[in-house]
Amino acid sequence: MGGKIQDKYGNWIVSIIPIIFQAIGVFLIAIYPSFVTVILCAVCTGFGYGTFYSIANTIVTKNAPEERSSYAISTYLLITDLAMGFSPAFLGLFATTGQYNNLFLVAAIITGSSLPLCVLVLRKMK
């Protein structure tokens, strides 16, 4: 689904909307933890991270010169794996208070703060 939208409307819409969905989902579970918000968070996270991961991989592949595309993809995957390993350790600092609301709130702030970075990168690619 994301690929068809990317082909029709470009990188902007498929990059920005998943970040917003991810931030909203995590923010909802931070302010109102319940069964319903856990389900909403799962849907938003699945749409947000799931779409953004594959779209970002496509953007990296399309913008790298053909002879350097393997380096670009491996760098993208390396940074993604580092973030997936470092983030839980960092966010664990906020879970030591006994309330996970702080953890999810910090995760929502981090996700939301990545939006200007995404916009900056997309502008440079034009």
Protein backbone atom coordinates (compact mmCIF):
# COMPACT_ATOMS: atom_id res chain seq x y z
CA MET A 1 0.00 0.00 0.00
CA GLY A 2 2.76 2.44 0.92
CA GLY A 3 4.61 1.75 -2.30
CA LYS A 4 1.63 2.64 -4.49
CA ILE A 5 1.06 5.85 -2.54
CA GLN A 6 4.77 6.68 -2.81
CA ASP A 7 4.70 6.18 -6.57
CA LYS A 8 1.63 8.38 -6.96
CA TYR A 9 2.31 11.17 -4.42
CA GLY A 10 6.03 11.01 -3.69
CA ASN A 11 8.10 10.54 -0.56
CA TRP A 12 6.56 13.33 1.50
CA ILE A 13 3.19 11.81 2.27
CA VAL A 14 4.44 8.28 2.91
CA SER A 15 7.23 9.50 5.18
CA ILE A 16 5.43 12.07 7.29
CA ILE A 17 2.09 10.36 7.95
CA PRO A 18 3.59 7.15 9.43
CA ILE A 19 5.71 9.20 11.85
CA ILE A 20 2.60 11.08 12.96
CA PHE A 21 0.66 7.83 13.43
CA GLN A 22 3.51 6.31 15.44
CA ALA A 23 3.74 9.37 17.71
CA ILE A 24 -0.02 9.50 18.23
CA GLY A 25 -0.24 5.81 19.07
CA VAL A 26 2.53 5.94 21.65
CA PHE A 27 1.22 9.22 23.09
CA LEU A 28 -2.27 7.74 23.54
CA ILE A 29 -0.95 4.83 25.56
CA ALA A 30 1.11 7.24 27.67
CA ILE A 31 -1.83 9.42 28.67
CA TYR A 32 -4.61 6.83 28.82
CA PRO A 33 -3.36 3.26 29.29
CA SER A 34 -6.21 0.82 28.72
CA PHE A 35 -7.04 -2.19 26.59
CA VAL A 36 -8.50 0.01 23.85
CA THR A 37 -5.45 2.30 23.67
CA VAL A 38 -3.13 -0.72 23.58
CA ILE A 39 -5.00 -1.94 20.50
CA LEU A 40 -4.97 1.57 18.98
CA CYS A 41 -1.26 1.88 19.74
CA ALA A 42 -0.61 -1.48 18.08
CA VAL A 43 -2.49 -0.41 14.95
CA CYS A 44 -0.78 2.99 14.83
CA THR A 45 2.64 1.47 15.46
CA GLY A 46 2.10 -1.23 12.85
CA PHE A 47 1.05 1.34 10.30
CA GLY A 48 3.66 3.89 11.38
CA TYR A 49 6.81 1.87 11.88
CA GLY A 50 5.86 -0.88 9.46
CA THR A 51 5.25 1.56 6.62
CA PHE A 52 8.12 3.90 7.41
CA TYR A 53 10.70 1.10 7.64
CA SER A 54 10.01 -0.17 4.13
CA ILE A 55 9.52 3.30 2.64
CA ALA A 56 12.80 4.55 4.12
CA ASN A 57 14.56 1.50 2.69
CA THR A 58 13.09 2.31 -0.72
CA ILE A 59 14.15 5.96 -0.46
CA VAL A 60 17.70 4.95 0.47
CA THR A 61 17.86 2.50 -2.44
CA LYS A 62 16.46 4.94 -5.01
CA ASN A 63 18.74 7.83 -4.01
CA ALA A 64 22.00 5.91 -3.86
CA PRO A 65 24.10 5.48 -6.98
CA GLU A 66 23.77 1.95 -8.33
CA GLU A 67 27.37 1.04 -7.53
CA ARG A 68 26.94 2.27 -3.93
CA SER A 69 23.43 0.96 -3.23
CA SER A 70 24.65 -2.04 -1.24
CA TYR A 71 26.62 0.31 1.05
CA ALA A 72 23.62 2.60 1.43
CA ILE A 73 21.29 -0.26 2.34
CA SER A 74 23.74 -1.79 4.80
CA THR A 75 24.30 1.61 6.44
CA TYR A 76 20.54 2.12 6.72
CA LEU A 77 20.10 -1.33 8.29
CA LEU A 78 23.04 -0.78 10.63
CA ILE A 79 21.61 2.50 11.93
CA THR A 80 18.16 0.92 12.28
CA ASP A 81 19.60 -2.01 14.25
CA LEU A 82 21.57 0.35 16.48
CA ALA A 83 18.44 2.33 17.20
CA MET A 84 16.46 -0.83 17.94
CA GLY A 85 19.15 -1.93 20.38
CA PHE A 86 19.92 1.39 22.03
CA SER A 87 16.34 2.67 22.37
CA PRO A 88 15.09 0.06 24.86
CA ALA A 89 18.16 0.59 27.02
CA PHE A 90 17.64 4.36 26.97
CA LEU A 91 13.89 4.16 27.53
CA GLY A 92 14.46 1.71 30.37
CA LEU A 93 15.84 4.62 32.38
CA PHE A 94 12.36 6.12 32.40
CA ALA A 95 10.69 2.86 33.45
CA THR A 96 12.64 2.66 36.73
CA THR A 97 10.12 4.96 38.40
CA GLY A 98 7.59 2.14 38.27
CA GLN A 99 5.29 3.90 35.83
CA TYR A 100 5.48 3.10 32.18
CA ASN A 101 3.59 6.26 31.26
CA ASN A 102 6.87 8.20 31.41
CA LEU A 103 8.53 5.69 29.10
CA PHE A 104 5.78 5.96 26.51
CA LEU A 105 5.68 9.75 26.81
CA VAL A 106 9.43 10.00 26.13
CA ALA A 107 9.04 7.58 23.20
CA ALA A 108 6.25 9.78 21.77
CA ILE A 109 8.40 12.90 22.17
CA ILE A 110 11.35 11.23 20.45
CA THR A 111 9.13 10.04 17.61
CA GLY A 112 7.51 13.46 17.23
CA SER A 113 10.88 15.19 17.27
CA SER A 114 12.02 13.04 14.36
CA LEU A 115 9.42 14.72 12.17
CA PRO A 116 11.42 17.94 11.58
CA LEU A 117 14.49 15.83 10.81
CA CYS A 118 12.51 13.86 8.24
CA VAL A 119 11.23 17.06 6.64
CA LEU A 120 14.76 18.46 6.50
CA VAL A 121 16.12 15.33 4.83
CA LEU A 122 13.27 15.18 2.33
CA ARG A 123 13.83 18.85 1.39
CA LYS A 124 17.52 18.19 0.75
CA MET A 125 16.64 15.29 -1.54
CA LYS A 126 14.60 17.46 -3.91
